[in-house]
Amino acid sequence: QFNQGPIFANMVLADEINRTPPKTQAALLEAMQEKLV
């Protein structure tokens, strides 16, 4: 069963985004561009 993460909200605050490695930063790319996961 897929359990949705915190990205599933109308407004998402990615606080201090530059503190996480590129692999995790890249997880936002598809969501930002395609608006799906």
PDB file of all heavy atoms in Angstrom:
ATOM      1  N   GLN A   1       0.851  -1.194   0.000  1.00  0.00           N
ATOM      2  CA  GLN A   1       0.000   0.000   0.000  1.00  0.00           C
ATOM      3  C   GLN A   1       0.888   1.247   0.000  1.00  0.00           C
ATOM      4  O   GLN A   1       1.805   1.364   0.821  1.00  0.00           O
ATOM      5  CB  GLN A   1      -0.895  -0.003   1.242  1.00  0.00           C
ATOM      6  CG  GLN A   1      -1.749   1.234   1.414  1.00  0.00           C
ATOM      7  CD  GLN A   1      -2.907   1.283   0.435  1.00  0.00           C
ATOM      8  OE1 GLN A   1      -3.505   0.257   0.125  1.00  0.00           O
ATOM      9  NE2 GLN A   1      -3.210   2.468  -0.073  1.00  0.00           N
ATOM     10  N   PHE A   2       0.637   2.168  -0.938  1.00  0.00           N
ATOM     11  CA  PHE A   2       1.433   3.399  -1.002  1.00  0.00           C
ATOM     12  C   PHE A   2       0.936   4.399   0.035  1.00  0.00           C
ATOM     13  O   PHE A   2      -0.238   4.767   0.044  1.00  0.00           O
ATOM     14  CB  PHE A   2       1.357   4.018  -2.401  1.00  0.00           C
ATOM     15  CG  PHE A   2       2.150   5.291  -2.537  1.00  0.00           C
ATOM     16  CD1 PHE A   2       3.537   5.287  -2.481  1.00  0.00           C
ATOM     17  CD2 PHE A   2       1.507   6.510  -2.719  1.00  0.00           C
ATOM     18  CE1 PHE A   2       4.266   6.462  -2.599  1.00  0.00           C
ATOM     19  CE2 PHE A   2       2.222   7.693  -2.852  1.00  0.00           C
ATOM     20  CZ  PHE A   2       3.608   7.660  -2.789  1.00  0.00           C
ATOM     21  N   ASN A   3       1.816   4.814   0.905  1.00  0.00           N
ATOM     22  CA  ASN A   3       1.505   5.831   1.910  1.00  0.00           C
ATOM     23  C   ASN A   3       2.067   7.176   1.438  1.00  0.00           C
ATOM     24  O   ASN A   3       3.274   7.330   1.280  1.00  0.00           O
ATOM     25  CB  ASN A   3       2.123   5.468   3.266  1.00  0.00           C
ATOM     26  CG  ASN A   3       1.204   4.582   4.077  1.00  0.00           C
ATOM     27  OD1 ASN A   3       0.267   4.009   3.542  1.00  0.00           O
ATOM     28  ND2 ASN A   3       1.469   4.466   5.363  1.00  0.00           N
ATOM     29  N   GLN A   4       1.185   8.108   1.207  1.00  0.00           N
ATOM     30  CA  GLN A   4       1.599   9.402   0.669  1.00  0.00           C
ATOM     31  C   GLN A   4       2.475  10.177   1.652  1.00  0.00           C
ATOM     32  O   GLN A   4       2.220  10.186   2.855  1.00  0.00           O
ATOM     33  CB  GLN A   4       0.367  10.238   0.311  1.00  0.00           C
ATOM     34  CG  GLN A   4      -0.473   9.642  -0.804  1.00  0.00           C
ATOM     35  CD  GLN A   4      -1.661  10.503  -1.159  1.00  0.00           C
ATOM     36  OE1 GLN A   4      -2.000  11.460  -0.455  1.00  0.00           O
ATOM     37  NE2 GLN A   4      -2.314  10.185  -2.264  1.00  0.00           N
ATOM     38  N   GLY A   5       3.506  10.829   1.106  1.00  0.00           N
ATOM     39  CA  GLY A   5       4.389  11.650   1.916  1.00  0.00           C
ATOM     40  C   GLY A   5       3.874  13.069   2.047  1.00  0.00           C
ATOM     41  O   GLY A   5       2.815  13.419   1.512  1.00  0.00           O
ATOM     42  N   PRO A   6       4.619  13.942   2.706  1.00  0.00           N
ATOM     43  CA  PRO A   6       4.169  15.326   2.942  1.00  0.00           C
ATOM     44  C   PRO A   6       4.089  16.180   1.679  1.00  0.00           C
ATOM     45  O   PRO A   6       3.548  17.284   1.726  1.00  0.00           O
ATOM     46  CB  PRO A   6       5.216  15.871   3.921  1.00  0.00           C
ATOM     47  CG  PRO A   6       6.405  14.997   3.747  1.00  0.00           C
ATOM     48  CD  PRO A   6       5.879  13.647   3.394  1.00  0.00           C
ATOM     49  N   ILE A   7       4.608  15.682   0.546  1.00  0.00           N
ATOM     50  CA  ILE A   7       4.519  16.438  -0.703  1.00  0.00           C
ATOM     51  C   ILE A   7       3.070  16.557  -1.167  1.00  0.00           C
ATOM     52  O   ILE A   7       2.712  17.438  -1.955  1.00  0.00           O
ATOM     53  CB  ILE A   7       5.389  15.762  -1.797  1.00  0.00           C
ATOM     54  CG1 ILE A   7       5.606  16.681  -3.002  1.00  0.00           C
ATOM     55  CG2 ILE A   7       4.769  14.457  -2.281  1.00  0.00           C
ATOM     56  CD1 ILE A   7       6.592  17.747  -2.798  1.00  0.00           C
ATOM     57  N   PHE A   8       2.197  15.668  -0.641  1.00  0.00           N
ATOM     58  CA  PHE A   8       0.792  15.670  -1.054  1.00  0.00           C
ATOM     59  C   PHE A   8      -0.008  16.697  -0.254  1.00  0.00           C
ATOM     60  O   PHE A   8      -0.774  16.370   0.647  1.00  0.00           O
ATOM     61  CB  PHE A   8       0.199  14.263  -0.907  1.00  0.00           C
ATOM     62  CG  PHE A   8       0.680  13.295  -1.951  1.00  0.00           C
ATOM     63  CD1 PHE A   8       1.853  12.584  -1.769  1.00  0.00           C
ATOM     64  CD2 PHE A   8      -0.029  13.115  -3.130  1.00  0.00           C
ATOM     65  CE1 PHE A   8       2.314  11.703  -2.734  1.00  0.00           C
ATOM     66  CE2 PHE A   8       0.414  12.226  -4.103  1.00  0.00           C
ATOM     67  CZ  PHE A   8       1.599  11.523  -3.904  1.00  0.00           C
ATOM     68  N   ALA A   9       0.228  17.959  -0.587  1.00  0.00           N
ATOM     69  CA  ALA A   9      -0.498  19.082   0.021  1.00  0.00           C
ATOM     70  C   ALA A   9      -0.556  20.199  -0.992  1.00  0.00           C
ATOM     71  O   ALA A   9       0.234  20.247  -1.940  1.00  0.00           O
ATOM     72  CB  ALA A   9       0.196  19.542   1.303  1.00  0.00           C
ATOM     73  N   ASN A  10      -1.515  21.118  -0.816  1.00  0.00           N
ATOM     74  CA  ASN A  10      -1.624  22.244  -1.749  1.00  0.00           C
ATOM     75  C   ASN A  10      -0.405  23.153  -1.680  1.00  0.00           C
ATOM     76  O   ASN A  10       0.086  23.638  -2.697  1.00  0.00           O
ATOM     77  CB  ASN A  10      -2.870  23.078  -1.451  1.00  0.00           C
ATOM     78  CG  ASN A  10      -4.158  22.340  -1.707  1.00  0.00           C
ATOM     79  OD1 ASN A  10      -4.955  22.126  -0.795  1.00  0.00           O
ATOM     80  ND2 ASN A  10      -4.389  21.934  -2.948  1.00  0.00           N
ATOM     81  N   MET A  11       0.061  23.396  -0.458  1.00  0.00           N
ATOM     82  CA  MET A  11       1.198  24.290  -0.254  1.00  0.00           C
ATOM     83  C   MET A  11       2.239  23.564   0.589  1.00  0.00           C
ATOM     84  O   MET A  11       1.955  23.129   1.706  1.00  0.00           O
ATOM     85  CB  MET A  11       0.749  25.580   0.429  1.00  0.00           C
ATOM     86  CG  MET A  11       1.789  26.677   0.418  1.00  0.00           C
ATOM     87  SD  MET A  11       1.137  28.274   0.993  1.00  0.00           S
ATOM     88  CE  MET A  11       0.153  28.768  -0.415  1.00  0.00           C
ATOM     89  N   VAL A  12       3.442  23.406   0.038  1.00  0.00           N
ATOM     90  CA  VAL A  12       4.504  22.658   0.719  1.00  0.00           C
ATOM     91  C   VAL A  12       5.678  23.589   0.975  1.00  0.00           C
ATOM     92  O   VAL A  12       6.187  24.234   0.046  1.00  0.00           O
ATOM     93  CB  VAL A  12       4.971  21.454  -0.121  1.00  0.00           C
ATOM     94  CG1 VAL A  12       6.105  20.718   0.587  1.00  0.00           C
ATOM     95  CG2 VAL A  12       3.805  20.502  -0.398  1.00  0.00           C
ATOM     96  N   LEU A  13       6.092  23.683   2.225  1.00  0.00           N
ATOM     97  CA  LEU A  13       7.274  24.465   2.585  1.00  0.00           C
ATOM     98  C   LEU A  13       8.466  23.525   2.682  1.00  0.00           C
ATOM     99  O   LEU A  13       8.518  22.660   3.560  1.00  0.00           O
ATOM    100  CB  LEU A  13       7.056  25.182   3.925  1.00  0.00           C
ATOM    101  CG  LEU A  13       8.254  25.980   4.443  1.00  0.00           C
ATOM    102  CD1 LEU A  13       8.607  27.124   3.506  1.00  0.00           C
ATOM    103  CD2 LEU A  13       7.993  26.505   5.844  1.00  0.00           C
ATOM    104  N   ALA A  14       9.393  23.674   1.752  1.00  0.00           N
ATOM    105  CA  ALA A  14      10.631  22.888   1.765  1.00  0.00           C
ATOM    106  C   ALA A  14      11.681  23.727   2.485  1.00  0.00           C
ATOM    107  O   ALA A  14      12.382  24.537   1.871  1.00  0.00           O
ATOM    108  CB  ALA A  14      11.066  22.558   0.342  1.00  0.00           C
ATOM    109  N   ASP A  15      11.764  23.540   3.795  1.00  0.00           N
ATOM    110  CA  ASP A  15      12.580  24.413   4.638  1.00  0.00           C
ATOM    111  C   ASP A  15      14.058  24.045   4.563  1.00  0.00           C
ATOM    112  O   ASP A  15      14.438  22.898   4.797  1.00  0.00           O
ATOM    113  CB  ASP A  15      12.090  24.332   6.089  1.00  0.00           C
ATOM    114  CG  ASP A  15      12.173  25.670   6.790  1.00  0.00           C
ATOM    115  OD1 ASP A  15      12.710  26.623   6.202  1.00  0.00           O
ATOM    116  OD2 ASP A  15      11.692  25.771   7.934  1.00  0.00           O
ATOM    117  N   GLU A  16      14.898  25.040   4.226  1.00  0.00           N
ATOM    118  CA  GLU A  16      16.347  24.871   4.088  1.00  0.00           C
ATOM    119  C   GLU A  16      16.666  23.742   3.110  1.00  0.00           C
ATOM    120  O   GLU A  16      17.352  22.775   3.427  1.00  0.00           O
ATOM    121  CB  GLU A  16      16.995  24.622   5.457  1.00  0.00           C
ATOM    122  CG  GLU A  16      16.907  25.826   6.383  1.00  0.00           C
ATOM    123  CD  GLU A  16      17.768  25.696   7.620  1.00  0.00           C
ATOM    124  OE1 GLU A  16      17.388  24.949   8.537  1.00  0.00           O
ATOM    125  OE2 GLU A  16      18.835  26.324   7.650  1.00  0.00           O
ATOM    126  N   ILE A  17      16.181  23.911   1.895  1.00  0.00           N
ATOM    127  CA  ILE A  17      16.312  22.889   0.867  1.00  0.00           C
ATOM    128  C   ILE A  17      17.765  22.566   0.534  1.00  0.00           C
ATOM    129  O   ILE A  17      18.087  21.456   0.115  1.00  0.00           O
ATOM    130  CB  ILE A  17      15.542  23.320  -0.409  1.00  0.00           C
ATOM    131  CG1 ILE A  17      15.453  22.165  -1.400  1.00  0.00           C
ATOM    132  CG2 ILE A  17      16.144  24.566  -1.034  1.00  0.00           C
ATOM    133  CD1 ILE A  17      14.590  22.457  -2.609  1.00  0.00           C
ATOM    134  N   ASN A  18      18.661  23.530   0.732  1.00  0.00           N
ATOM    135  CA  ASN A  18      20.061  23.290   0.384  1.00  0.00           C
ATOM    136  C   ASN A  18      20.818  22.523   1.476  1.00  0.00           C
ATOM    137  O   ASN A  18      22.032  22.357   1.384  1.00  0.00           O
ATOM    138  CB  ASN A  18      20.776  24.615   0.082  1.00  0.00           C
ATOM    139  CG  ASN A  18      20.701  25.615   1.218  1.00  0.00           C
ATOM    140  OD1 ASN A  18      19.795  25.555   2.053  1.00  0.00           O
ATOM    141  ND2 ASN A  18      21.643  26.543   1.256  1.00  0.00           N
ATOM    142  N   ARG A  19      20.111  22.029   2.491  1.00  0.00           N
ATOM    143  CA  ARG A  19      20.783  21.232   3.533  1.00  0.00           C
ATOM    144  C   ARG A  19      20.701  19.738   3.264  1.00  0.00           C
ATOM    145  O   ARG A  19      21.217  18.932   4.029  1.00  0.00           O
ATOM    146  CB  ARG A  19      20.170  21.520   4.907  1.00  0.00           C
ATOM    147  CG  ARG A  19      20.539  22.872   5.436  1.00  0.00           C
ATOM    148  CD  ARG A  19      20.507  22.925   6.953  1.00  0.00           C
ATOM    149  NE  ARG A  19      21.059  24.179   7.406  1.00  0.00           N
ATOM    150  CZ  ARG A  19      22.354  24.430   7.547  1.00  0.00           C
ATOM    151  NH1 ARG A  19      23.241  23.508   7.244  1.00  0.00           N
ATOM    152  NH2 ARG A  19      22.763  25.598   7.972  1.00  0.00           N
ATOM    153  N   THR A  20      20.026  19.343   2.173  1.00  0.00           N
ATOM    154  CA  THR A  20      19.885  17.920   1.891  1.00  0.00           C
ATOM    155  C   THR A  20      20.638  17.572   0.605  1.00  0.00           C
ATOM    156  O   THR A  20      20.792  18.425  -0.277  1.00  0.00           O
ATOM    157  CB  THR A  20      18.385  17.556   1.772  1.00  0.00           C
ATOM    158  OG1 THR A  20      18.195  16.169   1.987  1.00  0.00           O
ATOM    159  CG2 THR A  20      17.811  17.945   0.424  1.00  0.00           C
ATOM    160  N   PRO A  21      21.130  16.344   0.471  1.00  0.00           N
ATOM    161  CA  PRO A  21      21.928  15.965  -0.706  1.00  0.00           C
ATOM    162  C   PRO A  21      21.124  16.000  -2.008  1.00  0.00           C
ATOM    163  O   PRO A  21      19.887  15.961  -1.999  1.00  0.00           O
ATOM    164  CB  PRO A  21      22.366  14.527  -0.381  1.00  0.00           C
ATOM    165  CG  PRO A  21      22.268  14.407   1.100  1.00  0.00           C
ATOM    166  CD  PRO A  21      21.113  15.279   1.495  1.00  0.00           C
ATOM    167  N   PRO A  22      21.833  16.046  -3.156  1.00  0.00           N
ATOM    168  CA  PRO A  22      21.172  16.152  -4.463  1.00  0.00           C
ATOM    169  C   PRO A  22      20.150  15.050  -4.742  1.00  0.00           C
ATOM    170  O   PRO A  22      19.144  15.306  -5.410  1.00  0.00           O
ATOM    171  CB  PRO A  22      22.337  16.070  -5.457  1.00  0.00           C
ATOM    172  CG  PRO A  22      23.513  16.586  -4.688  1.00  0.00           C
ATOM    173  CD  PRO A  22      23.299  16.153  -3.273  1.00  0.00           C
ATOM    174  N   LYS A  23      20.382  13.839  -4.246  1.00  0.00           N
ATOM    175  CA  LYS A  23      19.449  12.734  -4.492  1.00  0.00           C
ATOM    176  C   LYS A  23      18.059  13.074  -3.951  1.00  0.00           C
ATOM    177  O   LYS A  23      17.034  12.809  -4.598  1.00  0.00           O
ATOM    178  CB  LYS A  23      19.967  11.452  -3.836  1.00  0.00           C
ATOM    179  CG  LYS A  23      19.068  10.240  -4.057  1.00  0.00           C
ATOM    180  CD  LYS A  23      19.652   9.004  -3.383  1.00  0.00           C
ATOM    181  CE  LYS A  23      18.756   7.794  -3.598  1.00  0.00           C
ATOM    182  NZ  LYS A  23      19.305   6.579  -2.947  1.00  0.00           N
ATOM    183  N   THR A  24      18.018  13.674  -2.780  1.00  0.00           N
ATOM    184  CA  THR A  24      16.735  14.037  -2.177  1.00  0.00           C
ATOM    185  C   THR A  24      16.167  15.298  -2.812  1.00  0.00           C
ATOM    186  O   THR A  24      14.958  15.414  -3.023  1.00  0.00           O
ATOM    187  CB  THR A  24      16.904  14.222  -0.659  1.00  0.00           C
ATOM    188  OG1 THR A  24      17.510  13.039  -0.117  1.00  0.00           O
ATOM    189  CG2 THR A  24      15.566  14.444   0.019  1.00  0.00           C
ATOM    190  N   GLN A  25      17.041  16.261  -3.140  1.00  0.00           N
ATOM    191  CA  GLN A  25      16.585  17.469  -3.850  1.00  0.00           C
ATOM    192  C   GLN A  25      15.910  17.080  -5.161  1.00  0.00           C
ATOM    193  O   GLN A  25      14.876  17.637  -5.535  1.00  0.00           O
ATOM    194  CB  GLN A  25      17.766  18.390  -4.138  1.00  0.00           C
ATOM    195  CG  GLN A  25      18.359  19.060  -2.911  1.00  0.00           C
ATOM    196  CD  GLN A  25      19.599  19.872  -3.247  1.00  0.00           C
ATOM    197  OE1 GLN A  25      20.023  19.930  -4.397  1.00  0.00           O
ATOM    198  NE2 GLN A  25      20.195  20.482  -2.245  1.00  0.00           N
ATOM    199  N   ALA A  26      16.477  16.077  -5.850  1.00  0.00           N
ATOM    200  CA  ALA A  26      15.946  15.661  -7.142  1.00  0.00           C
ATOM    201  C   ALA A  26      14.548  15.048  -7.026  1.00  0.00           C
ATOM    202  O   ALA A  26      13.796  15.019  -8.004  1.00  0.00           O
ATOM    203  CB  ALA A  26      16.895  14.659  -7.803  1.00  0.00           C
ATOM    204  N   ALA A  27      14.196  14.559  -5.837  1.00  0.00           N
ATOM    205  CA  ALA A  27      12.865  13.970  -5.639  1.00  0.00           C
ATOM    206  C   ALA A  27      11.776  15.014  -5.838  1.00  0.00           C
ATOM    207  O   ALA A  27      10.627  14.678  -6.131  1.00  0.00           O
ATOM    208  CB  ALA A  27      12.764  13.361  -4.240  1.00  0.00           C
ATOM    209  N   LEU A  28      12.144  16.288  -5.690  1.00  0.00           N
ATOM    210  CA  LEU A  28      11.171  17.361  -5.887  1.00  0.00           C
ATOM    211  C   LEU A  28      10.954  17.696  -7.365  1.00  0.00           C
ATOM    212  O   LEU A  28       9.931  18.277  -7.731  1.00  0.00           O
ATOM    213  CB  LEU A  28      11.639  18.631  -5.179  1.00  0.00           C
ATOM    214  CG  LEU A  28      11.563  18.676  -3.660  1.00  0.00           C
ATOM    215  CD1 LEU A  28      12.146  19.986  -3.165  1.00  0.00           C
ATOM    216  CD2 LEU A  28      10.147  18.527  -3.173  1.00  0.00           C
ATOM    217  N   LEU A  29      11.930  17.343  -8.216  1.00  0.00           N
ATOM    218  CA  LEU A  29      11.900  17.787  -9.607  1.00  0.00           C
ATOM    219  C   LEU A  29      10.639  17.371 -10.348  1.00  0.00           C
ATOM    220  O   LEU A  29       9.967  18.194 -10.967  1.00  0.00           O
ATOM    221  CB  LEU A  29      13.134  17.268 -10.362  1.00  0.00           C
ATOM    222  CG  LEU A  29      14.399  18.114 -10.250  1.00  0.00           C
ATOM    223  CD1 LEU A  29      15.564  17.411 -10.904  1.00  0.00           C
ATOM    224  CD2 LEU A  29      14.192  19.475 -10.880  1.00  0.00           C
ATOM    225  N   GLU A  30      10.330  16.068 -10.309  1.00  0.00           N
ATOM    226  CA  GLU A  30       9.151  15.587 -11.021  1.00  0.00           C
ATOM    227  C   GLU A  30       7.880  16.214 -10.452  1.00  0.00           C
ATOM    228  O   GLU A  30       6.995  16.638 -11.189  1.00  0.00           O
ATOM    229  CB  GLU A  30       9.047  14.064 -10.943  1.00  0.00           C
ATOM    230  CG  GLU A  30       7.853  13.531 -11.739  1.00  0.00           C
ATOM    231  CD  GLU A  30       7.612  12.046 -11.521  1.00  0.00           C
ATOM    232  OE1 GLU A  30       7.956  11.537 -10.442  1.00  0.00           O
ATOM    233  OE2 GLU A  30       7.059  11.419 -12.419  1.00  0.00           O
ATOM    234  N   ALA A  31       7.833  16.291  -9.122  1.00  0.00           N
ATOM    235  CA  ALA A  31       6.643  16.866  -8.474  1.00  0.00           C
ATOM    236  C   ALA A  31       6.449  18.322  -8.897  1.00  0.00           C
ATOM    237  O   ALA A  31       5.328  18.753  -9.195  1.00  0.00           O
ATOM    238  CB  ALA A  31       6.780  16.773  -6.962  1.00  0.00           C
ATOM    239  N   MET A  32       7.535  19.096  -8.964  1.00  0.00           N
ATOM    240  CA  MET A  32       7.445  20.506  -9.314  1.00  0.00           C
ATOM    241  C   MET A  32       7.034  20.705 -10.764  1.00  0.00           C
ATOM    242  O   MET A  32       6.245  21.589 -11.081  1.00  0.00           O
ATOM    243  CB  MET A  32       8.785  21.200  -9.057  1.00  0.00           C
ATOM    244  CG  MET A  32       9.126  21.332  -7.592  1.00  0.00           C
ATOM    245  SD  MET A  32      10.815  21.894  -7.315  1.00  0.00           S
ATOM    246  CE  MET A  32      10.762  23.529  -8.008  1.00  0.00           C
ATOM    247  N   GLN A  33       7.567  19.867 -11.651  1.00  0.00           N
ATOM    248  CA  GLN A  33       7.321  20.058 -13.075  1.00  0.00           C
ATOM    249  C   GLN A  33       6.039  19.373 -13.546  1.00  0.00           C
ATOM    250  O   GLN A  33       5.231  19.954 -14.264  1.00  0.00           O
ATOM    251  CB  GLN A  33       8.515  19.519 -13.885  1.00  0.00           C
ATOM    252  CG  GLN A  33       8.471  19.871 -15.360  1.00  0.00           C
ATOM    253  CD  GLN A  33       8.649  21.360 -15.603  1.00  0.00           C
ATOM    254  OE1 GLN A  33       9.149  22.092 -14.752  1.00  0.00           O
ATOM    255  NE2 GLN A  33       8.216  21.820 -16.770  1.00  0.00           N
ATOM    256  N   GLU A  34       5.858  18.117 -13.132  1.00  0.00           N
ATOM    257  CA  GLU A  34       4.743  17.316 -13.647  1.00  0.00           C
ATOM    258  C   GLU A  34       3.506  17.348 -12.743  1.00  0.00           C
ATOM    259  O   GLU A  34       2.434  16.898 -13.136  1.00  0.00           O
ATOM    260  CB  GLU A  34       5.195  15.859 -13.831  1.00  0.00           C
ATOM    261  CG  GLU A  34       6.442  15.686 -14.680  1.00  0.00           C
ATOM    262  CD  GLU A  34       6.261  16.191 -16.098  1.00  0.00           C
ATOM    263  OE1 GLU A  34       5.109  16.205 -16.577  1.00  0.00           O
ATOM    264  OE2 GLU A  34       7.264  16.575 -16.718  1.00  0.00           O
ATOM    265  N   LYS A  35       3.688  17.798 -11.494  1.00  0.00           N
ATOM    266  CA  LYS A  35       2.607  17.836 -10.511  1.00  0.00           C
ATOM    267  C   LYS A  35       2.005  16.445 -10.266  1.00  0.00           C
ATOM    268  O   LYS A  35       0.803  16.268 -10.111  1.00  0.00           O
ATOM    269  CB  LYS A  35       1.526  18.837 -10.927  1.00  0.00           C
ATOM    270  CG  LYS A  35       2.087  20.266 -10.994  1.00  0.00           C
ATOM    271  CD  LYS A  35       1.038  21.310 -11.168  1.00  0.00           C
ATOM    272  CE  LYS A  35       1.682  22.700 -11.157  1.00  0.00           C
ATOM    273  NZ  LYS A  35       0.732  23.792 -11.363  1.00  0.00           N
ATOM    274  N   LEU A  36       2.912  15.466 -10.254  1.00  0.00           N
ATOM    275  CA  LEU A  36       2.533  14.108  -9.875  1.00  0.00           C
ATOM    276  C   LEU A  36       3.768  13.393  -9.347  1.00  0.00           C
ATOM    277  O   LEU A  36       4.896  13.840  -9.530  1.00  0.00           O
ATOM    278  CB  LEU A  36       1.914  13.344 -11.058  1.00  0.00           C
ATOM    279  CG  LEU A  36       2.707  13.181 -12.353  1.00  0.00           C
ATOM    280  CD1 LEU A  36       3.724  12.042 -12.286  1.00  0.00           C
ATOM    281  CD2 LEU A  36       1.763  12.908 -13.508  1.00  0.00           C
ATOM    282  N   VAL A  37       3.528  12.283  -8.665  1.00  0.00           N
ATOM    283  CA  VAL A  37       4.604  11.456  -8.118  1.00  0.00           C
ATOM    284  C   VAL A  37       4.496  10.074  -8.737  1.00  0.00           C
ATOM    285  O   VAL A  37       3.401   9.506  -8.830  1.00  0.00           O
ATOM    286  CB  VAL A  37       4.497  11.364  -6.575  1.00  0.00           C
ATOM    287  CG1 VAL A  37       5.359  10.229  -6.031  1.00  0.00           C
ATOM    288  CG2 VAL A  37       4.890  12.688  -5.933  1.00  0.00           C
TER     289      VAL A  37
END
